[in-house]
Amino acid sequence: MTAVISVLREFSVINLICGLDEAGRGPLAGPVAAGAVILPDDFPVHILNDSKCLSEKKRRAAEALIKASACWGVGLVSHEIIDTINILQASLLAMRRAAETLFFKLPVYLARHARAGQLLTCSDVCIQAIADGNKSAGITHAAYTVINTAIVKADAAVPAVMAAAILAKNERDRIMRAYALQYPEYGYEQHKGYPTAAHRAVCRKLGPSPIQRRSFRY
């Protein structure tokens, strides 16, 4: 799966791998974020890894290169919606929102990466949407052919999924740091809303913050 774009000349079809992953299923507060990424063939995949295994500095450097060279999107689902539809469905919704942004950018990306003299139409493109985990994201598009799959631990094995996880984690971390400025007593800049002992303690002491997921135990 390391080859992201393969041209099947006999069928005149371009197959693309779109990696999908989320960040923020476990926290007690804040949104869930998701990334969607199609990497170009020449992307230096050696800089990618499971986002949890990369330092913040390396994640930021990878994010900059992903955004400069890949087709990508980020989607968010708020804590209110998480409480309404549950975290699994919210995570899948975030992936679909990320894919919507990616699809909006895709024609420009395809034109940039087309072979000389190649004219592409929507029917020439088949997208394999790979979600990390055991649930496919249910990505659809009116014009492109989309095949949904799910792979457990894809965020440590499929480069496009690794890239999506990096975008999702970086975006969510930025959001939680911004919330930390609004609600400094909750320490969101430290734990990003995850259920640490300190986070649980401050919630018991002060009550839930305005961005707390009320359907989660704290």
C-alpha atoms as a PDB file:
ATOM      1  CA  MET A   1       0.000   0.000   0.000  1.00  0.00           C
ATOM      2  CA  THR A   2       2.982   2.318  -0.091  1.00  0.00           C
ATOM      3  CA  ALA A   3       2.192   3.236  -3.700  1.00  0.00           C
ATOM      4  CA  VAL A   4      -0.430   5.913  -3.410  1.00  0.00           C
ATOM      5  CA  ILE A   5      -1.228   6.641  -7.036  1.00  0.00           C
ATOM      6  CA  SER A   6      -1.100   3.849  -9.562  1.00  0.00           C
ATOM      7  CA  VAL A   7      -2.218   4.312 -13.144  1.00  0.00           C
ATOM      8  CA  LEU A   8      -3.876   1.217 -14.567  1.00  0.00           C
ATOM      9  CA  ARG A   9      -3.342   2.038 -18.198  1.00  0.00           C
ATOM     10  CA  GLU A  10      -5.414  -0.804 -19.584  1.00  0.00           C
ATOM     11  CA  PHE A  11      -8.482   0.531 -17.784  1.00  0.00           C
ATOM     12  CA  SER A  12      -7.538   4.235 -17.952  1.00  0.00           C
ATOM     13  CA  VAL A  13      -8.290   4.528 -14.228  1.00  0.00           C
ATOM     14  CA  ILE A  14      -6.339   6.339 -11.536  1.00  0.00           C
ATOM     15  CA  ASN A  15      -6.503   4.610  -8.164  1.00  0.00           C
ATOM     16  CA  LEU A  16      -5.982   6.836  -5.145  1.00  0.00           C
ATOM     17  CA  ILE A  17      -5.567   5.866  -1.511  1.00  0.00           C
ATOM     18  CA  CYS A  18      -7.244   8.291   0.868  1.00  0.00           C
ATOM     19  CA  GLY A  19      -6.145   7.758   4.452  1.00  0.00           C
ATOM     20  CA  LEU A  20      -8.592   8.614   7.233  1.00  0.00           C
ATOM     21  CA  ASP A  21      -8.014   8.813  10.968  1.00  0.00           C
ATOM     22  CA  GLU A  22      -9.273  10.651  14.024  1.00  0.00           C
ATOM     23  CA  ALA A  23      -7.830  12.196  17.159  1.00  0.00           C
ATOM     24  CA  GLY A  24      -9.752  12.692  20.366  1.00  0.00           C
ATOM     25  CA  ARG A  25     -11.991   9.675  20.916  1.00  0.00           C
ATOM     26  CA  GLY A  26     -10.808   9.208  24.489  1.00  0.00           C
ATOM     27  CA  PRO A  27     -10.847  12.718  26.000  1.00  0.00           C
ATOM     28  CA  LEU A  28     -13.492  13.950  28.419  1.00  0.00           C
ATOM     29  CA  ALA A  29     -13.681  17.375  26.773  1.00  0.00           C
ATOM     30  CA  GLY A  30     -13.425  19.120  23.432  1.00  0.00           C
ATOM     31  CA  PRO A  31     -14.117  18.028  19.865  1.00  0.00           C
ATOM     32  CA  VAL A  32     -13.041  14.982  17.942  1.00  0.00           C
ATOM     33  CA  ALA A  33     -10.916  15.793  14.882  1.00  0.00           C
ATOM     34  CA  ALA A  34     -10.218  13.774  11.761  1.00  0.00           C
ATOM     35  CA  GLY A  35      -7.860  14.015   8.837  1.00  0.00           C
ATOM     36  CA  ALA A  36      -8.182  12.819   5.245  1.00  0.00           C
ATOM     37  CA  VAL A  37      -5.059  12.637   3.077  1.00  0.00           C
ATOM     38  CA  ILE A  38      -4.063  11.516  -0.410  1.00  0.00           C
ATOM     39  CA  LEU A  39      -0.286  11.478  -0.685  1.00  0.00           C
ATOM     40  CA  PRO A  40       1.620  11.986  -3.944  1.00  0.00           C
ATOM     41  CA  ASP A  41       3.835   9.133  -5.121  1.00  0.00           C
ATOM     42  CA  ASP A  42       7.009  11.028  -4.331  1.00  0.00           C
ATOM     43  CA  PHE A  43       6.094  11.900  -0.749  1.00  0.00           C
ATOM     44  CA  PRO A  44       8.953  11.065   1.701  1.00  0.00           C
ATOM     45  CA  VAL A  45       7.004   8.493   3.706  1.00  0.00           C
ATOM     46  CA  HIS A  46      10.008   7.841   5.952  1.00  0.00           C
ATOM     47  CA  ILE A  47       9.073  10.970   7.939  1.00  0.00           C
ATOM     48  CA  LEU A  48       5.694   9.435   8.842  1.00  0.00           C
ATOM     49  CA  ASN A  49       4.836   7.183  11.747  1.00  0.00           C
ATOM     50  CA  ASP A  50       2.038   6.534  14.180  1.00  0.00           C
ATOM     51  CA  SER A  51       1.292  10.092  15.353  1.00  0.00           C
ATOM     52  CA  LYS A  52       1.523   8.954  18.985  1.00  0.00           C
ATOM     53  CA  CYS A  53       5.130   7.898  18.380  1.00  0.00           C
ATOM     54  CA  LEU A  54       6.273  11.215  16.901  1.00  0.00           C
ATOM     55  CA  SER A  55       7.471  14.208  18.871  1.00  0.00           C
ATOM     56  CA  GLU A  56       5.491  17.418  18.521  1.00  0.00           C
ATOM     57  CA  LYS A  57       8.349  18.917  16.527  1.00  0.00           C
ATOM     58  CA  LYS A  58       8.330  16.021  14.054  1.00  0.00           C
ATOM     59  CA  ARG A  59       4.536  16.085  13.787  1.00  0.00           C
ATOM     60  CA  ARG A  60       4.585  19.770  12.935  1.00  0.00           C
ATOM     61  CA  ALA A  61       7.302  19.302  10.323  1.00  0.00           C
ATOM     62  CA  ALA A  62       5.375  16.413   8.763  1.00  0.00           C
ATOM     63  CA  GLU A  63       2.159  18.441   8.811  1.00  0.00           C
ATOM     64  CA  ALA A  64       3.792  21.298   6.920  1.00  0.00           C
ATOM     65  CA  LEU A  65       5.004  18.961   4.177  1.00  0.00           C
ATOM     66  CA  ILE A  66       1.676  17.122   3.975  1.00  0.00           C
ATOM     67  CA  LYS A  67      -0.230  20.370   3.553  1.00  0.00           C
ATOM     68  CA  ALA A  68       2.249  21.637   0.961  1.00  0.00           C
ATOM     69  CA  SER A  69       2.268  18.562  -1.288  1.00  0.00           C
ATOM     70  CA  ALA A  70      -0.741  16.327  -0.604  1.00  0.00           C
ATOM     71  CA  CYS A  71      -4.481  16.611  -1.055  1.00  0.00           C
ATOM     72  CA  TRP A  72      -5.914  16.882   2.434  1.00  0.00           C
ATOM     73  CA  GLY A  73      -8.830  17.878   4.612  1.00  0.00           C
ATOM     74  CA  VAL A  74      -9.613  18.174   8.310  1.00  0.00           C
ATOM     75  CA  GLY A  75     -13.020  17.679   9.913  1.00  0.00           C
ATOM     76  CA  LEU A  76     -14.286  18.475  13.409  1.00  0.00           C
ATOM     77  CA  VAL A  77     -17.276  17.377  15.471  1.00  0.00           C
ATOM     78  CA  SER A  78     -18.106  19.309  18.636  1.00  0.00           C
ATOM     79  CA  HIS A  79     -18.543  17.967  22.145  1.00  0.00           C
ATOM     80  CA  GLU A  80     -22.280  18.736  21.926  1.00  0.00           C
ATOM     81  CA  ILE A  81     -22.701  16.498  18.885  1.00  0.00           C
ATOM     82  CA  ILE A  82     -20.553  13.796  20.511  1.00  0.00           C
ATOM     83  CA  ASP A  83     -23.005  13.754  23.424  1.00  0.00           C
ATOM     84  CA  THR A  84     -25.909  13.479  20.992  1.00  0.00           C
ATOM     85  CA  ILE A  85     -24.735  10.758  18.599  1.00  0.00           C
ATOM     86  CA  ASN A  86     -21.933   9.028  20.617  1.00  0.00           C
ATOM     87  CA  ILE A  87     -18.188   9.155  20.077  1.00  0.00           C
ATOM     88  CA  LEU A  88     -17.984   6.390  17.462  1.00  0.00           C
ATOM     89  CA  GLN A  89     -20.523   8.024  15.179  1.00  0.00           C
ATOM     90  CA  ALA A  90     -18.956  11.430  15.820  1.00  0.00           C
ATOM     91  CA  SER A  91     -15.540  10.086  14.815  1.00  0.00           C
ATOM     92  CA  LEU A  92     -16.918   8.692  11.564  1.00  0.00           C
ATOM     93  CA  LEU A  93     -18.748  11.969  10.918  1.00  0.00           C
ATOM     94  CA  ALA A  94     -15.497  13.882  11.430  1.00  0.00           C
ATOM     95  CA  MET A  95     -13.841  11.629   8.835  1.00  0.00           C
ATOM     96  CA  ARG A  96     -16.628  12.299   6.354  1.00  0.00           C
ATOM     97  CA  ARG A  97     -16.291  16.037   6.938  1.00  0.00           C
ATOM     98  CA  ALA A  98     -12.540  15.799   6.384  1.00  0.00           C
ATOM     99  CA  ALA A  99     -13.163  13.900   3.148  1.00  0.00           C
ATOM    100  CA  GLU A 100     -15.604  16.583   1.958  1.00  0.00           C
ATOM    101  CA  THR A 101     -12.859  19.186   2.247  1.00  0.00           C
ATOM    102  CA  LEU A 102     -10.423  16.883   0.457  1.00  0.00           C
ATOM    103  CA  PHE A 103     -12.866  16.298  -2.403  1.00  0.00           C
ATOM    104  CA  PHE A 104     -13.246  20.058  -2.841  1.00  0.00           C
ATOM    105  CA  LYS A 105      -9.469  20.313  -3.390  1.00  0.00           C
ATOM    106  CA  LEU A 106      -9.092  17.130  -5.422  1.00  0.00           C
ATOM    107  CA  PRO A 107      -9.603  18.530  -8.968  1.00  0.00           C
ATOM    108  CA  VAL A 108      -6.714  20.955  -8.508  1.00  0.00           C
ATOM    109  CA  TYR A 109      -4.554  18.193  -7.023  1.00  0.00           C
ATOM    110  CA  LEU A 110      -5.333  15.854  -9.936  1.00  0.00           C
ATOM    111  CA  ALA A 111      -4.539  18.537 -12.500  1.00  0.00           C
ATOM    112  CA  ARG A 112      -1.191  19.173 -10.798  1.00  0.00           C
ATOM    113  CA  HIS A 113      -0.255  15.484 -10.810  1.00  0.00           C
ATOM    114  CA  ALA A 114      -1.639  14.458 -14.201  1.00  0.00           C
ATOM    115  CA  ARG A 115       0.779  13.207 -16.827  1.00  0.00           C
ATOM    116  CA  ALA A 116       1.601  15.571 -19.658  1.00  0.00           C
ATOM    117  CA  GLY A 117      -1.335  15.744 -22.059  1.00  0.00           C
ATOM    118  CA  GLN A 118      -3.549  13.656 -19.775  1.00  0.00           C
ATOM    119  CA  LEU A 119      -7.138  14.845 -19.433  1.00  0.00           C
ATOM    120  CA  LEU A 120      -8.932  13.385 -16.428  1.00  0.00           C
ATOM    121  CA  THR A 121     -12.643  13.169 -15.750  1.00  0.00           C
ATOM    122  CA  CYS A 122     -14.333  12.111 -12.522  1.00  0.00           C
ATOM    123  CA  SER A 123     -15.058   8.684 -13.989  1.00  0.00           C
ATOM    124  CA  ASP A 124     -11.304   8.111 -14.364  1.00  0.00           C
ATOM    125  CA  VAL A 125     -10.754   8.246 -10.602  1.00  0.00           C
ATOM    126  CA  CYS A 126     -11.301   5.466  -8.056  1.00  0.00           C
ATOM    127  CA  ILE A 127     -10.617   6.294  -4.408  1.00  0.00           C
ATOM    128  CA  GLN A 128      -9.938   3.688  -1.754  1.00  0.00           C
ATOM    129  CA  ALA A 129     -10.892   5.333   1.541  1.00  0.00           C
ATOM    130  CA  ILE A 130      -8.982   3.522   4.290  1.00  0.00           C
ATOM    131  CA  ALA A 131     -10.056   4.299   7.849  1.00  0.00           C
ATOM    132  CA  ASP A 132      -8.000   3.314  10.845  1.00  0.00           C
ATOM    133  CA  GLY A 133      -9.869   0.831  13.043  1.00  0.00           C
ATOM    134  CA  ASN A 134     -12.597  -1.710  12.394  1.00  0.00           C
ATOM    135  CA  LYS A 135     -15.326   0.609  11.067  1.00  0.00           C
ATOM    136  CA  SER A 136     -15.285   2.094   7.585  1.00  0.00           C
ATOM    137  CA  ALA A 137     -16.123   5.784   7.373  1.00  0.00           C
ATOM    138  CA  GLY A 138     -18.893   5.554   4.792  1.00  0.00           C
ATOM    139  CA  ILE A 139     -17.325   8.086   2.435  1.00  0.00           C
ATOM    140  CA  THR A 140     -19.393   8.796  -0.683  1.00  0.00           C
ATOM    141  CA  HIS A 141     -19.187  11.209  -3.589  1.00  0.00           C
ATOM    142  CA  ALA A 142     -21.585  11.936  -6.414  1.00  0.00           C
ATOM    143  CA  ALA A 143     -18.891  11.861  -9.099  1.00  0.00           C
ATOM    144  CA  TYR A 144     -15.953   9.756  -7.896  1.00  0.00           C
ATOM    145  CA  THR A 145     -15.995   6.018  -7.262  1.00  0.00           C
ATOM    146  CA  VAL A 146     -15.208   5.476  -3.583  1.00  0.00           C
ATOM    147  CA  ILE A 147     -14.418   2.107  -1.984  1.00  0.00           C
ATOM    148  CA  ASN A 148     -14.523   2.150   1.824  1.00  0.00           C
ATOM    149  CA  THR A 149     -12.345  -0.126   3.914  1.00  0.00           C
ATOM    150  CA  ALA A 150     -11.148  -0.237   7.511  1.00  0.00           C
ATOM    151  CA  ILE A 151      -7.817  -1.593   8.737  1.00  0.00           C
ATOM    152  CA  VAL A 152      -6.934  -2.055  12.389  1.00  0.00           C
ATOM    153  CA  LYS A 153      -3.682  -0.245  13.235  1.00  0.00           C
ATOM    154  CA  ALA A 154      -3.569   1.378   9.788  1.00  0.00           C
ATOM    155  CA  ASP A 155      -2.176   4.467  11.531  1.00  0.00           C
ATOM    156  CA  ALA A 156       1.063   2.522  11.989  1.00  0.00           C
ATOM    157  CA  ALA A 157       1.126   0.789   8.597  1.00  0.00           C
ATOM    158  CA  VAL A 158      -0.504   2.857   5.816  1.00  0.00           C
ATOM    159  CA  PRO A 159       1.325   6.122   5.026  1.00  0.00           C
ATOM    160  CA  ALA A 160      -1.787   8.048   4.001  1.00  0.00           C
ATOM    161  CA  VAL A 161      -3.502   7.051   7.261  1.00  0.00           C
ATOM    162  CA  MET A 162      -0.411   8.049   9.249  1.00  0.00           C
ATOM    163  CA  ALA A 163      -0.541  11.436   7.535  1.00  0.00           C
ATOM    164  CA  ALA A 164      -4.252  11.811   8.302  1.00  0.00           C
ATOM    165  CA  ALA A 165      -3.627  11.000  11.969  1.00  0.00           C
ATOM    166  CA  ILE A 166      -0.880  13.635  12.154  1.00  0.00           C
ATOM    167  CA  LEU A 167      -3.168  16.333  10.760  1.00  0.00           C
ATOM    168  CA  ALA A 168      -5.983  15.326  13.104  1.00  0.00           C
ATOM    169  CA  LYS A 169      -3.820  15.304  16.217  1.00  0.00           C
ATOM    170  CA  ASN A 170      -2.103  18.608  15.447  1.00  0.00           C
ATOM    171  CA  GLU A 171      -5.415  20.325  14.706  1.00  0.00           C
ATOM    172  CA  ARG A 172      -7.043  19.072  17.875  1.00  0.00           C
ATOM    173  CA  ASP A 173      -4.033  19.996  20.001  1.00  0.00           C
ATOM    174  CA  ARG A 174      -4.216  23.553  18.659  1.00  0.00           C
ATOM    175  CA  ILE A 175      -7.903  23.746  19.531  1.00  0.00           C
ATOM    176  CA  MET A 176      -7.323  22.482  23.054  1.00  0.00           C
ATOM    177  CA  ARG A 177      -4.506  24.961  23.627  1.00  0.00           C
ATOM    178  CA  ALA A 178      -6.913  27.719  22.572  1.00  0.00           C
ATOM    179  CA  TYR A 179      -9.513  26.410  25.022  1.00  0.00           C
ATOM    180  CA  ALA A 180      -6.848  26.456  27.721  1.00  0.00           C
ATOM    181  CA  LEU A 181      -6.697  30.240  27.351  1.00  0.00           C
ATOM    182  CA  GLN A 182     -10.459  30.475  27.878  1.00  0.00           C
ATOM    183  CA  TYR A 183     -10.579  28.020  30.775  1.00  0.00           C
ATOM    184  CA  PRO A 184      -7.093  28.128  32.324  1.00  0.00           C
ATOM    185  CA  GLU A 185      -8.106  26.384  35.553  1.00  0.00           C
ATOM    186  CA  TYR A 186      -8.740  23.110  33.674  1.00  0.00           C
ATOM    187  CA  GLY A 187      -5.194  22.655  32.328  1.00  0.00           C
ATOM    188  CA  TYR A 188      -6.212  21.743  28.789  1.00  0.00           C
ATOM    189  CA  GLU A 189      -2.808  22.794  27.441  1.00  0.00           C
ATOM    190  CA  GLN A 190      -1.298  19.904  29.412  1.00  0.00           C
ATOM    191  CA  HIS A 191      -3.676  16.954  29.014  1.00  0.00           C
ATOM    192  CA  LYS A 192      -5.694  18.129  25.946  1.00  0.00           C
ATOM    193  CA  GLY A 193      -8.864  16.911  27.630  1.00  0.00           C
ATOM    194  CA  TYR A 194      -7.732  13.309  28.164  1.00  0.00           C
ATOM    195  CA  PRO A 195      -8.829  11.615  31.400  1.00  0.00           C
ATOM    196  CA  THR A 196      -5.732  12.220  33.509  1.00  0.00           C
ATOM    197  CA  ALA A 197      -5.960  12.218  37.291  1.00  0.00           C
ATOM    198  CA  ALA A 198      -5.479  16.001  37.321  1.00  0.00           C
ATOM    199  CA  HIS A 199      -8.270  16.516  34.790  1.00  0.00           C
ATOM    200  CA  ARG A 200     -10.693  14.327  36.703  1.00  0.00           C
ATOM    201  CA  ALA A 201      -9.785  16.068  39.961  1.00  0.00           C
ATOM    202  CA  VAL A 202     -10.425  19.590  38.659  1.00  0.00           C
ATOM    203  CA  CYS A 203     -13.747  18.487  37.165  1.00  0.00           C
ATOM    204  CA  ARG A 204     -14.821  17.070  40.524  1.00  0.00           C
ATOM    205  CA  LYS A 205     -13.683  20.244  42.268  1.00  0.00           C
ATOM    206  CA  LEU A 206     -15.049  22.887  39.877  1.00  0.00           C
ATOM    207  CA  GLY A 207     -17.623  20.942  37.953  1.00  0.00           C
ATOM    208  CA  PRO A 208     -17.577  20.366  34.197  1.00  0.00           C
ATOM    209  CA  SER A 209     -16.164  23.062  31.962  1.00  0.00           C
ATOM    210  CA  PRO A 210     -18.295  24.453  29.102  1.00  0.00           C
ATOM    211  CA  ILE A 211     -16.567  22.063  26.661  1.00  0.00           C
ATOM    212  CA  GLN A 212     -16.974  18.939  28.790  1.00  0.00           C
ATOM    213  CA  ARG A 213     -18.505  15.860  27.169  1.00  0.00           C
ATOM    214  CA  ARG A 214     -21.444  15.290  29.485  1.00  0.00           C
ATOM    215  CA  SER A 215     -21.960  11.717  28.262  1.00  0.00           C
ATOM    216  CA  PHE A 216     -18.469  10.763  29.520  1.00  0.00           C
ATOM    217  CA  ARG A 217     -17.678   9.937  33.127  1.00  0.00           C
ATOM    218  CA  TYR A 218     -15.278  12.316  34.830  1.00  0.00           C
END
